[in-house]
Amino acid sequence: MPLRTTIVLPSRLKAMAVARAKDQGISFGELVRRAVEKHVQQAAGPKTGDPFWDNLTSYDVESPADLAARHDDYLYGAKK
């Protein structure tokens, strides 16, 4: 039997989630259930023992177009 759960979200995040659910033609609750299930399954996935592959994370953020070529400059400062 499903359990009712209350969560508190920042208004911006809630608005983005509601819009995403509407775009997908599903309810906000279904979007949240899918997101939680996906996160739980990823977290419980098999570990390879390799720290690199076991810690893969991706971020959907804006970044400089030349980030790959100049990553050291961005991390440690531009070479002089």
N, C-alpha and C. Protein backbone atom coordinates (compact mmCIF):
# COMPACT_ATOMS: atom_id res chain seq x y z
N MET A 1 0.84 -1.18 0.00
CA MET A 1 0.00 0.00 0.00
C MET A 1 0.89 1.25 0.00
N PRO A 2 0.64 2.17 -0.92
CA PRO A 2 1.45 3.40 -0.96
C PRO A 2 1.29 4.21 0.32
N LEU A 3 2.36 4.86 0.71
CA LEU A 3 2.35 5.73 1.88
C LEU A 3 2.41 7.19 1.44
N ARG A 4 1.63 8.01 2.07
CA ARG A 4 1.65 9.45 1.78
C ARG A 4 2.89 10.04 2.45
N THR A 5 3.61 10.87 1.69
CA THR A 5 4.84 11.49 2.19
C THR A 5 4.79 12.97 1.88
N THR A 6 5.21 13.77 2.82
CA THR A 6 5.27 15.22 2.63
C THR A 6 6.73 15.62 2.49
N ILE A 7 7.04 16.39 1.46
CA ILE A 7 8.39 16.92 1.28
C ILE A 7 8.30 18.43 1.10
N VAL A 8 9.37 19.11 1.43
CA VAL A 8 9.43 20.56 1.28
C VAL A 8 10.44 20.86 0.18
N LEU A 9 10.01 21.60 -0.84
CA LEU A 9 10.86 21.96 -1.96
C LEU A 9 10.93 23.47 -2.09
N PRO A 10 12.08 23.99 -2.52
CA PRO A 10 12.14 25.41 -2.86
C PRO A 10 11.15 25.68 -3.99
N SER A 11 10.54 26.85 -3.99
CA SER A 11 9.49 27.15 -4.97
C SER A 11 9.98 27.02 -6.41
N ARG A 12 11.22 27.41 -6.67
CA ARG A 12 11.76 27.31 -8.03
C ARG A 12 11.86 25.84 -8.47
N LEU A 13 12.34 24.99 -7.60
CA LEU A 13 12.46 23.57 -7.91
C LEU A 13 11.10 22.94 -8.13
N LYS A 14 10.14 23.29 -7.30
CA LYS A 14 8.78 22.76 -7.44
C LYS A 14 8.18 23.19 -8.78
N ALA A 15 8.37 24.45 -9.14
CA ALA A 15 7.83 24.95 -10.41
C ALA A 15 8.47 24.23 -11.59
N MET A 16 9.78 24.00 -11.53
CA MET A 16 10.46 23.30 -12.62
C MET A 16 9.97 21.85 -12.70
N ALA A 17 9.77 21.22 -11.56
CA ALA A 17 9.31 19.83 -11.54
C ALA A 17 7.88 19.72 -12.07
N VAL A 18 7.03 20.63 -11.68
CA VAL A 18 5.65 20.62 -12.17
C VAL A 18 5.63 20.81 -13.68
N ALA A 19 6.46 21.73 -14.18
CA ALA A 19 6.53 21.97 -15.62
C ALA A 19 7.05 20.73 -16.34
N ARG A 20 8.06 20.07 -15.79
CA ARG A 20 8.61 18.86 -16.41
C ARG A 20 7.56 17.76 -16.44
N ALA A 21 6.82 17.60 -15.36
CA ALA A 21 5.77 16.59 -15.32
C ALA A 21 4.71 16.88 -16.38
N LYS A 22 4.33 18.14 -16.49
CA LYS A 22 3.32 18.51 -17.49
C LYS A 22 3.82 18.22 -18.90
N ASP A 23 5.10 18.55 -19.16
CA ASP A 23 5.68 18.26 -20.48
C ASP A 23 5.67 16.77 -20.79
N GLN A 24 5.86 15.95 -19.76
CA GLN A 24 5.89 14.49 -19.94
C GLN A 24 4.51 13.87 -19.89
N GLY A 25 3.49 14.67 -19.57
CA GLY A 25 2.13 14.17 -19.51
C GLY A 25 1.88 13.26 -18.32
N ILE A 26 2.60 13.53 -17.21
CA ILE A 26 2.41 12.74 -15.99
C ILE A 26 2.15 13.68 -14.83
N SER A 27 1.71 13.12 -13.71
CA SER A 27 1.47 13.94 -12.54
C SER A 27 2.78 14.30 -11.86
N PHE A 28 2.74 15.33 -11.04
CA PHE A 28 3.90 15.72 -10.25
C PHE A 28 4.33 14.56 -9.35
N GLY A 29 3.36 13.90 -8.74
CA GLY A 29 3.66 12.76 -7.87
C GLY A 29 4.38 11.65 -8.61
N GLU A 30 3.95 11.37 -9.84
CA GLU A 30 4.60 10.32 -10.64
C GLU A 30 6.02 10.72 -10.99
N LEU A 31 6.23 12.00 -11.31
CA LEU A 31 7.58 12.48 -11.59
C LEU A 31 8.49 12.27 -10.38
N VAL A 32 8.00 12.61 -9.20
CA VAL A 32 8.79 12.44 -7.98
C VAL A 32 9.07 10.97 -7.72
N ARG A 33 8.06 10.10 -7.87
CA ARG A 33 8.27 8.66 -7.66
C ARG A 33 9.33 8.11 -8.61
N ARG A 34 9.26 8.51 -9.88
CA ARG A 34 10.24 8.04 -10.85
C ARG A 34 11.65 8.53 -10.51
N ALA A 35 11.75 9.79 -10.11
CA ALA A 35 13.05 10.36 -9.77
C ALA A 35 13.65 9.66 -8.55
N VAL A 36 12.85 9.42 -7.54
CA VAL A 36 13.34 8.74 -6.34
C VAL A 36 13.75 7.32 -6.68
N GLU A 37 12.93 6.62 -7.45
CA GLU A 37 13.26 5.25 -7.83
C GLU A 37 14.56 5.19 -8.63
N LYS A 38 14.72 6.12 -9.57
CA LYS A 38 15.94 6.15 -10.37
C LYS A 38 17.16 6.40 -9.48
N HIS A 39 17.04 7.34 -8.57
CA HIS A 39 18.15 7.66 -7.68
C HIS A 39 18.50 6.48 -6.77
N VAL A 40 17.51 5.84 -6.24
CA VAL A 40 17.75 4.70 -5.35
C VAL A 40 18.40 3.55 -6.11
N GLN A 41 17.94 3.30 -7.33
CA GLN A 41 18.52 2.21 -8.12
C GLN A 41 19.97 2.52 -8.50
N GLN A 42 20.26 3.77 -8.84
CA GLN A 42 21.63 4.14 -9.19
C GLN A 42 22.54 3.99 -7.97
N ALA A 43 22.06 4.43 -6.82
CA ALA A 43 22.87 4.36 -5.61
C ALA A 43 23.14 2.91 -5.22
N ALA A 44 22.23 2.01 -5.56
CA ALA A 44 22.37 0.62 -5.17
C ALA A 44 23.04 -0.22 -6.25
N GLY A 45 23.47 0.42 -7.32
CA GLY A 45 24.08 -0.32 -8.43
C GLY A 45 25.36 -1.02 -8.01
N PRO A 46 25.79 -1.97 -8.82
CA PRO A 46 26.99 -2.72 -8.49
C PRO A 46 28.24 -1.84 -8.52
N LYS A 47 29.13 -2.06 -7.60
CA LYS A 47 30.39 -1.33 -7.54
C LYS A 47 31.46 -2.14 -8.26
N THR A 48 32.31 -1.43 -8.98
CA THR A 48 33.35 -2.12 -9.74
C THR A 48 34.63 -2.28 -8.94
N GLY A 49 34.77 -1.51 -7.86
CA GLY A 49 36.02 -1.50 -7.11
C GLY A 49 36.99 -0.45 -7.63
N ASP A 50 36.65 0.17 -8.74
CA ASP A 50 37.48 1.23 -9.31
C ASP A 50 36.91 2.57 -8.87
N PRO A 51 37.67 3.37 -8.10
CA PRO A 51 37.13 4.64 -7.59
C PRO A 51 36.65 5.58 -8.68
N PHE A 52 37.28 5.54 -9.85
CA PHE A 52 36.84 6.42 -10.94
C PHE A 52 35.44 6.03 -11.41
N TRP A 53 35.24 4.77 -11.76
CA TRP A 53 33.96 4.33 -12.30
C TRP A 53 32.87 4.27 -11.24
N ASP A 54 33.23 4.10 -9.99
CA ASP A 54 32.23 4.03 -8.92
C ASP A 54 31.75 5.41 -8.50
N ASN A 55 32.38 6.47 -8.98
CA ASN A 55 32.03 7.82 -8.54
C ASN A 55 31.67 8.71 -9.72
N LEU A 56 31.06 8.15 -10.76
CA LEU A 56 30.69 8.96 -11.91
C LEU A 56 29.46 9.80 -11.59
N THR A 57 29.60 11.08 -11.80
CA THR A 57 28.50 12.02 -11.59
C THR A 57 28.52 13.00 -12.74
N SER A 58 27.36 13.35 -13.23
CA SER A 58 27.30 14.36 -14.28
C SER A 58 26.43 15.52 -13.80
N TYR A 59 26.74 16.70 -14.29
CA TYR A 59 26.02 17.90 -13.91
C TYR A 59 25.54 18.60 -15.17
N ASP A 60 24.33 19.09 -15.13
CA ASP A 60 23.76 19.81 -16.26
C ASP A 60 23.81 21.30 -15.92
N VAL A 61 24.99 21.90 -16.12
CA VAL A 61 25.18 23.31 -15.81
C VAL A 61 25.89 23.98 -16.98
N GLU A 62 25.78 25.27 -17.04
CA GLU A 62 26.49 26.00 -18.08
C GLU A 62 27.96 26.07 -17.72
N SER A 63 28.82 25.93 -18.73
CA SER A 63 30.26 26.01 -18.51
C SER A 63 30.90 26.63 -19.73
N PRO A 64 32.14 27.09 -19.60
CA PRO A 64 32.82 27.70 -20.75
C PRO A 64 32.94 26.70 -21.90
N ALA A 65 32.86 27.18 -23.11
CA ALA A 65 32.95 26.32 -24.29
C ALA A 65 34.31 25.64 -24.40
N ASP A 66 35.36 26.25 -23.84
CA ASP A 66 36.71 25.69 -23.94
C ASP A 66 37.12 24.97 -22.66
N LEU A 67 36.17 24.53 -21.87
CA LEU A 67 36.49 23.91 -20.58
C LEU A 67 37.39 22.70 -20.72
N ALA A 68 37.12 21.83 -21.68
CA ALA A 68 37.94 20.63 -21.84
C ALA A 68 39.39 20.99 -22.16
N ALA A 69 39.59 21.96 -23.04
CA ALA A 69 40.94 22.32 -23.45
C ALA A 69 41.68 23.10 -22.37
N ARG A 70 40.96 23.89 -21.57
CA ARG A 70 41.62 24.76 -20.58
C ARG A 70 41.27 24.41 -19.14
N HIS A 71 40.93 23.16 -18.87
CA HIS A 71 40.49 22.81 -17.52
C HIS A 71 41.54 23.13 -16.46
N ASP A 72 42.84 22.95 -16.75
CA ASP A 72 43.87 23.29 -15.77
C ASP A 72 43.88 24.79 -15.46
N ASP A 73 43.70 25.60 -16.51
CA ASP A 73 43.65 27.04 -16.29
C ASP A 73 42.49 27.41 -15.37
N TYR A 74 41.33 26.79 -15.58
CA TYR A 74 40.17 27.11 -14.75
C TYR A 74 40.34 26.59 -13.33
N LEU A 75 40.99 25.44 -13.19
CA LEU A 75 41.17 24.87 -11.85
C LEU A 75 42.30 25.55 -11.07
N TYR A 76 43.41 25.82 -11.75
CA TYR A 76 44.62 26.28 -11.05
C TYR A 76 45.04 27.70 -11.41
N GLY A 77 44.32 28.34 -12.30
CA GLY A 77 44.68 29.68 -12.72
C GLY A 77 45.42 29.64 -14.03
N ALA A 78 45.24 30.66 -14.83
CA ALA A 78 45.86 30.71 -16.15
C ALA A 78 47.37 30.76 -16.02
N LYS A 79 48.05 30.07 -16.95
CA LYS A 79 49.52 30.10 -16.98
C LYS A 79 49.97 31.47 -17.45
N LYS A 80 51.05 31.91 -16.92
CA LYS A 80 51.55 33.25 -17.28
C LYS A 80 52.75 33.15 -18.14
